[in-house]
Structure formats: C-alpha cells, structure tokens
Amino acid sequence: WWRDTRFATATPKFIMGGVDLNFRRWANGPG
C-alpha cells in the first residue's frame, strides 16, 4: 500500500517499482 494509492482497500496491490537514477523518475506499471 502506498500514500499515492487512490483506490486502496485492505487487500494489497502490486506495483513494478522501477527507479531511475536517484529517484529522478520511477515507473510503477504501464501508464
């Protein structure tokens, strides 16, 4: 669960979590 999750429930979700150099960008999934 993450602070920017907008439609959270008690059930967890899955994100991909690719981190570009020093968190300049990150990619959690398509779009």
All heavy atoms as atom14 arrays in JSON, in Angstrom:
{
  "sequence": "WWRDTRFATATPKFIMGGVDLNFRRWANGPG",
  "atom14_mask": [
    [1, 1, 1, 1, 1, 1, 1, 1, 1, 1, 1, 1, 1, 1],
    [1, 1, 1, 1, 1, 1, 1, 1, 1, 1, 1, 1, 1, 1],
    [1, 1, 1, 1, 1, 1, 1, 1, 1, 1, 1, 0, 0, 0],
    [1, 1, 1, 1, 1, 1, 1, 1, 0, 0, 0, 0, 0, 0],
    [1, 1, 1, 1, 1, 1, 1, 0, 0, 0, 0, 0, 0, 0],
    [1, 1, 1, 1, 1, 1, 1, 1, 1, 1, 1, 0, 0, 0],
    [1, 1, 1, 1, 1, 1, 1, 1, 1, 1, 1, 0, 0, 0],
    [1, 1, 1, 1, 1, 0, 0, 0, 0, 0, 0, 0, 0, 0],
    [1, 1, 1, 1, 1, 1, 1, 0, 0, 0, 0, 0, 0, 0],
    [1, 1, 1, 1, 1, 0, 0, 0, 0, 0, 0, 0, 0, 0],
    [1, 1, 1, 1, 1, 1, 1, 0, 0, 0, 0, 0, 0, 0],
    [1, 1, 1, 1, 1, 1, 1, 0, 0, 0, 0, 0, 0, 0],
    [1, 1, 1, 1, 1, 1, 1, 1, 1, 0, 0, 0, 0, 0],
    [1, 1, 1, 1, 1, 1, 1, 1, 1, 1, 1, 0, 0, 0],
    [1, 1, 1, 1, 1, 1, 1, 1, 0, 0, 0, 0, 0, 0],
    [1, 1, 1, 1, 1, 1, 1, 1, 0, 0, 0, 0, 0, 0],
    [1, 1, 1, 1, 0, 0, 0, 0, 0, 0, 0, 0, 0, 0],
    [1, 1, 1, 1, 0, 0, 0, 0, 0, 0, 0, 0, 0, 0],
    [1, 1, 1, 1, 1, 1, 1, 0, 0, 0, 0, 0, 0, 0],
    [1, 1, 1, 1, 1, 1, 1, 1, 0, 0, 0, 0, 0, 0],
    [1, 1, 1, 1, 1, 1, 1, 1, 0, 0, 0, 0, 0, 0],
    [1, 1, 1, 1, 1, 1, 1, 1, 0, 0, 0, 0, 0, 0],
    [1, 1, 1, 1, 1, 1, 1, 1, 1, 1, 1, 0, 0, 0],
    [1, 1, 1, 1, 1, 1, 1, 1, 1, 1, 1, 0, 0, 0],
    [1, 1, 1, 1, 1, 1, 1, 1, 1, 1, 1, 0, 0, 0],
    [1, 1, 1, 1, 1, 1, 1, 1, 1, 1, 1, 1, 1, 1],
    [1, 1, 1, 1, 1, 0, 0, 0, 0, 0, 0, 0, 0, 0],
    [1, 1, 1, 1, 1, 1, 1, 1, 0, 0, 0, 0, 0, 0],
    [1, 1, 1, 1, 0, 0, 0, 0, 0, 0, 0, 0, 0, 0],
    [1, 1, 1, 1, 1, 1, 1, 0, 0, 0, 0, 0, 0, 0],
    [1, 1, 1, 1, 0, 0, 0, 0, 0, 0, 0, 0, 0, 0]
  ],
  "atom14_positions": [
    [[0.87, -1.18, 0.0], [0.0, 0.0, 0.0], [0.91, 1.23, 0.0], [1.95, 1.24, 0.67], [-0.87, 0.03, 1.25], [-1.74, -1.18, 1.44], [-3.07, -1.3, 1.14], [-1.36, -2.45, 2.01], [-3.53, -2.54, 1.47], [-2.51, -3.28, 1.99], [-0.17, -2.96, 2.5], [-2.49, -4.59, 2.47], [-0.15, -4.27, 2.97], [-1.3, -5.06, 2.96]],
    [[0.53, 2.28, -0.72], [1.35, 3.47, -0.86], [0.5, 4.72, -0.66], [-0.72, 4.72, -0.86], [2.02, 3.49, -2.25], [2.93, 2.32, -2.41], [4.25, 2.26, -2.1], [2.57, 1.0, -2.85], [4.74, 1.0, -2.34], [3.73, 0.19, -2.79], [1.37, 0.43, -3.3], [3.73, -1.14, -3.15], [1.37, -0.91, -3.65], [2.55, -1.68, -3.58]],
    [[1.19, 5.8, -0.29], [0.46, 7.04, 0.02], [-0.24, 7.62, -1.19], [-1.22, 8.36, -1.06], [1.42, 8.06, 0.63], [1.93, 7.67, 1.99], [2.7, 8.78, 2.67], [3.2, 8.35, 3.97], [4.41, 7.86, 4.2], [5.26, 7.75, 3.19], [4.78, 7.49, 5.41], [0.0, 0.0, 0.0], [0.0, 0.0, 0.0], [0.0, 0.0, 0.0]],
    [[0.26, 7.34, -2.39], [-0.39, 7.89, -3.58], [-1.41, 6.94, -4.19], [-1.92, 7.19, -5.28], [0.64, 8.31, -4.62], [1.5, 7.14, -5.12], [1.37, 6.04, -4.55], [2.27, 7.35, -6.06], [0.0, 0.0, 0.0], [0.0, 0.0, 0.0], [0.0, 0.0, 0.0], [0.0, 0.0, 0.0], [0.0, 0.0, 0.0], [0.0, 0.0, 0.0]],
    [[-1.72, 5.83, -3.48], [-2.77, 4.93, -3.94], [-4.11, 5.61, -3.76], [-4.45, 6.03, -2.66], [-2.74, 3.6, -3.17], [-1.43, 3.05, -3.25], [-3.74, 2.62, -3.75], [0.0, 0.0, 0.0], [0.0, 0.0, 0.0], [0.0, 0.0, 0.0], [0.0, 0.0, 0.0], [0.0, 0.0, 0.0], [0.0, 0.0, 0.0], [0.0, 0.0, 0.0]],
    [[-4.9, 5.72, -4.82], [-6.17, 6.43, -4.73], [-7.34, 5.52, -4.42], [-8.35, 5.97, -3.88], [-6.43, 7.18, -6.05], [-5.39, 8.25, -6.34], [-5.78, 9.11, -7.53], [-4.73, 10.07, -7.84], [-4.82, 10.99, -8.79], [-5.9, 11.06, -9.55], [-3.82, 11.82, -9.01], [0.0, 0.0, 0.0], [0.0, 0.0, 0.0], [0.0, 0.0, 0.0]],
    [[-7.23, 4.25, -4.79], [-8.36, 3.33, -4.61], [-7.9, 2.13, -3.8], [-8.01, 0.99, -4.24], [-8.92, 2.92, -5.98], [-9.38, 4.08, -6.81], [-8.55, 4.61, -7.79], [-10.6, 4.67, -6.59], [-8.95, 5.69, -8.55], [-11.02, 5.77, -7.34], [-10.19, 6.27, -8.33], [0.0, 0.0, 0.0], [0.0, 0.0, 0.0], [0.0, 0.0, 0.0]],
    [[-7.39, 2.4, -2.61], [-6.84, 1.34, -1.76], [-7.95, 0.65, -0.98], [-8.98, 1.23, -0.65], [-5.82, 1.93, -0.81], [0.0, 0.0, 0.0], [0.0, 0.0, 0.0], [0.0, 0.0, 0.0], [0.0, 0.0, 0.0], [0.0, 0.0, 0.0], [0.0, 0.0, 0.0], [0.0, 0.0, 0.0], [0.0, 0.0, 0.0], [0.0, 0.0, 0.0]],
    [[-7.71, -0.62, -0.66], [-8.54, -1.4, 0.26], [-7.6, -2.15, 1.19], [-6.38, -1.98, 1.13], [-9.42, -2.4, -0.51], [-8.59, -3.42, -1.08], [-10.22, -1.71, -1.62], [0.0, 0.0, 0.0], [0.0, 0.0, 0.0], [0.0, 0.0, 0.0], [0.0, 0.0, 0.0], [0.0, 0.0, 0.0], [0.0, 0.0, 0.0], [0.0, 0.0, 0.0]],
    [[-8.16, -2.99, 2.05], [-7.3, -3.79, 2.94], [-6.49, -4.82, 2.17], [-5.49, -5.33, 2.68], [-8.16, -4.47, 4.0], [0.0, 0.0, 0.0], [0.0, 0.0, 0.0], [0.0, 0.0, 0.0], [0.0, 0.0, 0.0], [0.0, 0.0, 0.0], [0.0, 0.0, 0.0], [0.0, 0.0, 0.0], [0.0, 0.0, 0.0], [0.0, 0.0, 0.0]],
    [[-6.9, -5.14, 0.95], [-6.17, -6.11, 0.13], [-5.02, -5.4, -0.6], [-5.22, -4.34, -1.18], [-7.12, -6.74, -0.91], [-8.18, -7.41, -0.22], [-6.39, -7.73, -1.79], [0.0, 0.0, 0.0], [0.0, 0.0, 0.0], [0.0, 0.0, 0.0], [0.0, 0.0, 0.0], [0.0, 0.0, 0.0], [0.0, 0.0, 0.0], [0.0, 0.0, 0.0]],
    [[-3.81, -5.96, -0.58], [-2.68, -5.28, -1.21], [-2.8, -5.26, -2.74], [-3.5, -6.06, -3.34], [-1.47, -6.11, -0.79], [-2.03, -7.49, -0.54], [-3.41, -7.25, 0.03], [0.0, 0.0, 0.0], [0.0, 0.0, 0.0], [0.0, 0.0, 0.0], [0.0, 0.0, 0.0], [0.0, 0.0, 0.0], [0.0, 0.0, 0.0], [0.0, 0.0, 0.0]],
    [[-2.09, -4.3, -3.34], [-1.92, -4.24, -4.79], [-0.44, -4.48, -5.11], [0.4, -4.47, -4.21], [-2.37, -2.88, -5.34], [-3.84, -2.59, -5.12], [-4.28, -1.31, -5.83], [-5.76, -1.05, -5.61], [-6.26, 0.08, -6.43], [0.0, 0.0, 0.0], [0.0, 0.0, 0.0], [0.0, 0.0, 0.0], [0.0, 0.0, 0.0], [0.0, 0.0, 0.0]],
    [[-0.16, -4.65, -6.4], [1.22, -4.89, -6.84], [1.65, -3.78, -7.77], [0.88, -3.38, -8.67], [1.32, -6.24, -7.57], [2.72, -6.6, -8.01], [3.55, -7.31, -7.18], [3.19, -6.2, -9.25], [4.85, -7.64, -7.59], [4.48, -6.52, -9.66], [5.31, -7.23, -8.83], [0.0, 0.0, 0.0], [0.0, 0.0, 0.0], [0.0, 0.0, 0.0]],
    [[2.86, -3.26, -7.56], [3.46, -2.3, -8.49], [4.84, -2.8, -8.9], [5.46, -3.59, -8.2], [3.55, -0.88, -7.9], [4.47, -0.86, -6.68], [2.17, -0.33, -7.56], [4.78, 0.54, -6.17], [0.0, 0.0, 0.0], [0.0, 0.0, 0.0], [0.0, 0.0, 0.0], [0.0, 0.0, 0.0], [0.0, 0.0, 0.0], [0.0, 0.0, 0.0]],
    [[5.32, -2.29, -10.07], [6.6, -2.75, -10.6], [7.79, -2.04, -9.96], [8.83, -2.66, -9.72], [6.62, -2.6, -12.12], [5.66, -3.56, -12.81], [5.54, -3.37, -14.6], [7.18, -3.9, -15.14], [0.0, 0.0, 0.0], [0.0, 0.0, 0.0], [0.0, 0.0, 0.0], [0.0, 0.0, 0.0], [0.0, 0.0, 0.0], [0.0, 0.0, 0.0]],
    [[7.71, -0.75, -9.73], [8.73, -0.07, -8.94], [10.1, 0.05, -9.56], [11.1, -0.22, -8.89], [0.0, 0.0, 0.0], [0.0, 0.0, 0.0], [0.0, 0.0, 0.0], [0.0, 0.0, 0.0], [0.0, 0.0, 0.0], [0.0, 0.0, 0.0], [0.0, 0.0, 0.0], [0.0, 0.0, 0.0], [0.0, 0.0, 0.0], [0.0, 0.0, 0.0]],
    [[10.19, 0.44, -10.84], [11.5, 0.74, -11.42], [11.94, 2.14, -11.04], [11.17, 3.09, -11.14], [0.0, 0.0, 0.0], [0.0, 0.0, 0.0], [0.0, 0.0, 0.0], [0.0, 0.0, 0.0], [0.0, 0.0, 0.0], [0.0, 0.0, 0.0], [0.0, 0.0, 0.0], [0.0, 0.0, 0.0], [0.0, 0.0, 0.0], [0.0, 0.0, 0.0]],
    [[13.18, 2.28, -10.57], [13.69, 3.57, -10.08], [14.83, 4.02, -10.97], [15.87, 3.36, -11.05], [14.15, 3.45, -8.61], [14.76, 4.78, -8.15], [12.99, 3.05, -7.71], [0.0, 0.0, 0.0], [0.0, 0.0, 0.0], [0.0, 0.0, 0.0], [0.0, 0.0, 0.0], [0.0, 0.0, 0.0], [0.0, 0.0, 0.0], [0.0, 0.0, 0.0]],
    [[14.62, 5.15, -11.63], [15.68, 5.78, -12.42], [16.69, 6.41, -11.46], [16.47, 6.47, -10.25], [15.05, 6.83, -13.34], [16.06, 7.51, -14.25], [17.08, 6.88, -14.55], [15.82, 8.66, -14.65], [0.0, 0.0, 0.0], [0.0, 0.0, 0.0], [0.0, 0.0, 0.0], [0.0, 0.0, 0.0], [0.0, 0.0, 0.0], [0.0, 0.0, 0.0]],
    [[17.78, 6.91, -12.01], [18.9, 7.37, -11.21], [18.45, 8.3, -10.08], [17.89, 9.37, -10.31], [19.93, 8.08, -12.1], [21.24, 8.45, -11.41], [22.04, 7.2, -11.06], [22.07, 9.37, -12.3], [0.0, 0.0, 0.0], [0.0, 0.0, 0.0], [0.0, 0.0, 0.0], [0.0, 0.0, 0.0], [0.0, 0.0, 0.0], [0.0, 0.0, 0.0]],
    [[18.69, 7.85, -8.84], [18.46, 8.65, -7.64], [17.03, 9.19, -7.54], [16.82, 10.31, -7.09], [19.47, 9.79, -7.56], [20.89, 9.29, -7.54], [21.17, 8.2, -7.04], [21.8, 10.04, -8.15], [0.0, 0.0, 0.0], [0.0, 0.0, 0.0], [0.0, 0.0, 0.0], [0.0, 0.0, 0.0], [0.0, 0.0, 0.0], [0.0, 0.0, 0.0]],
    [[16.07, 8.39, -8.0], [14.65, 8.69, -7.88], [14.22, 9.91, -8.7], [13.21, 10.54, -8.4], [14.25, 8.9, -6.41], [14.35, 7.64, -5.59], [15.51, 7.34, -4.89], [13.29, 6.76, -5.51], [15.61, 6.18, -4.14], [13.37, 5.59, -4.76], [14.54, 5.3, -4.07], [0.0, 0.0, 0.0], [0.0, 0.0, 0.0], [0.0, 0.0, 0.0]],
    [[14.97, 10.22, -9.76], [14.52, 11.3, -10.64], [13.17, 10.94, -11.26], [12.32, 11.79, -11.47], [15.53, 11.54, -11.76], [16.87, 12.08, -11.3], [17.73, 12.37, -12.52], [19.03, 12.91, -12.15], [19.83, 13.55, -13.0], [19.44, 13.72, -14.26], [20.99, 14.0, -12.61], [0.0, 0.0, 0.0], [0.0, 0.0, 0.0], [0.0, 0.0, 0.0]],
    [[13.04, 9.67, -11.6], [11.81, 9.15, -12.18], [11.58, 7.77, -11.58], [12.53, 7.12, -11.16], [11.9, 9.01, -13.71], [12.39, 10.23, -14.45], [12.7, 9.9, -15.91], [13.25, 11.04, -16.63], [14.55, 11.34, -16.69], [15.43, 10.55, -16.07], [14.98, 12.39, -17.36], [0.0, 0.0, 0.0], [0.0, 0.0, 0.0], [0.0, 0.0, 0.0]],
    [[10.32, 7.36, -11.56], [10.04, 5.96, -11.29], [8.85, 5.51, -12.1], [8.02, 6.31, -12.52], [9.85, 5.66, -9.8], [8.76, 6.4, -9.1], [7.4, 6.23, -9.21], [8.94, 7.43, -8.12], [6.72, 7.06, -8.38], [7.64, 7.82, -7.69], [10.06, 8.06, -7.55], [7.45, 8.8, -6.72], [9.84, 9.04, -6.6], [8.55, 9.41, -6.19]],
    [[8.82, 4.21, -12.37], [7.78, 3.62, -13.21], [7.16, 2.45, -12.45], [7.87, 1.52, -12.06], [8.37, 3.13, -14.53], [0.0, 0.0, 0.0], [0.0, 0.0, 0.0], [0.0, 0.0, 0.0], [0.0, 0.0, 0.0], [0.0, 0.0, 0.0], [0.0, 0.0, 0.0], [0.0, 0.0, 0.0], [0.0, 0.0, 0.0], [0.0, 0.0, 0.0]],
    [[5.84, 2.53, -12.23], [5.15, 1.51, -11.44], [4.34, 0.53, -12.28], [3.81, -0.45, -11.76], [4.23, 2.18, -10.42], [5.01, 2.86, -9.32], [6.16, 2.51, -9.05], [4.42, 3.85, -8.68], [0.0, 0.0, 0.0], [0.0, 0.0, 0.0], [0.0, 0.0, 0.0], [0.0, 0.0, 0.0], [0.0, 0.0, 0.0], [0.0, 0.0, 0.0]],
    [[4.21, 0.8, -13.58], [3.45, -0.06, -14.47], [3.1, 0.73, -15.72], [3.45, 1.92, -15.83], [0.0, 0.0, 0.0], [0.0, 0.0, 0.0], [0.0, 0.0, 0.0], [0.0, 0.0, 0.0], [0.0, 0.0, 0.0], [0.0, 0.0, 0.0], [0.0, 0.0, 0.0], [0.0, 0.0, 0.0], [0.0, 0.0, 0.0], [0.0, 0.0, 0.0]],
    [[2.43, 0.11, -16.69], [2.04, 0.87, -17.89], [1.19, 2.09, -17.53], [0.15, 1.97, -16.88], [1.22, -0.17, -18.68], [1.73, -1.5, -18.21], [2.04, -1.31, -16.76], [0.0, 0.0, 0.0], [0.0, 0.0, 0.0], [0.0, 0.0, 0.0], [0.0, 0.0, 0.0], [0.0, 0.0, 0.0], [0.0, 0.0, 0.0], [0.0, 0.0, 0.0]],
    [[1.66, 3.26, -17.93], [0.93, 4.49, -17.65], [1.01, 4.97, -16.22], [0.28, 5.89, -15.84], [0.0, 0.0, 0.0], [0.0, 0.0, 0.0], [0.0, 0.0, 0.0], [0.0, 0.0, 0.0], [0.0, 0.0, 0.0], [0.0, 0.0, 0.0], [0.0, 0.0, 0.0], [0.0, 0.0, 0.0], [0.0, 0.0, 0.0], [0.0, 0.0, 0.0]]
  ]
}
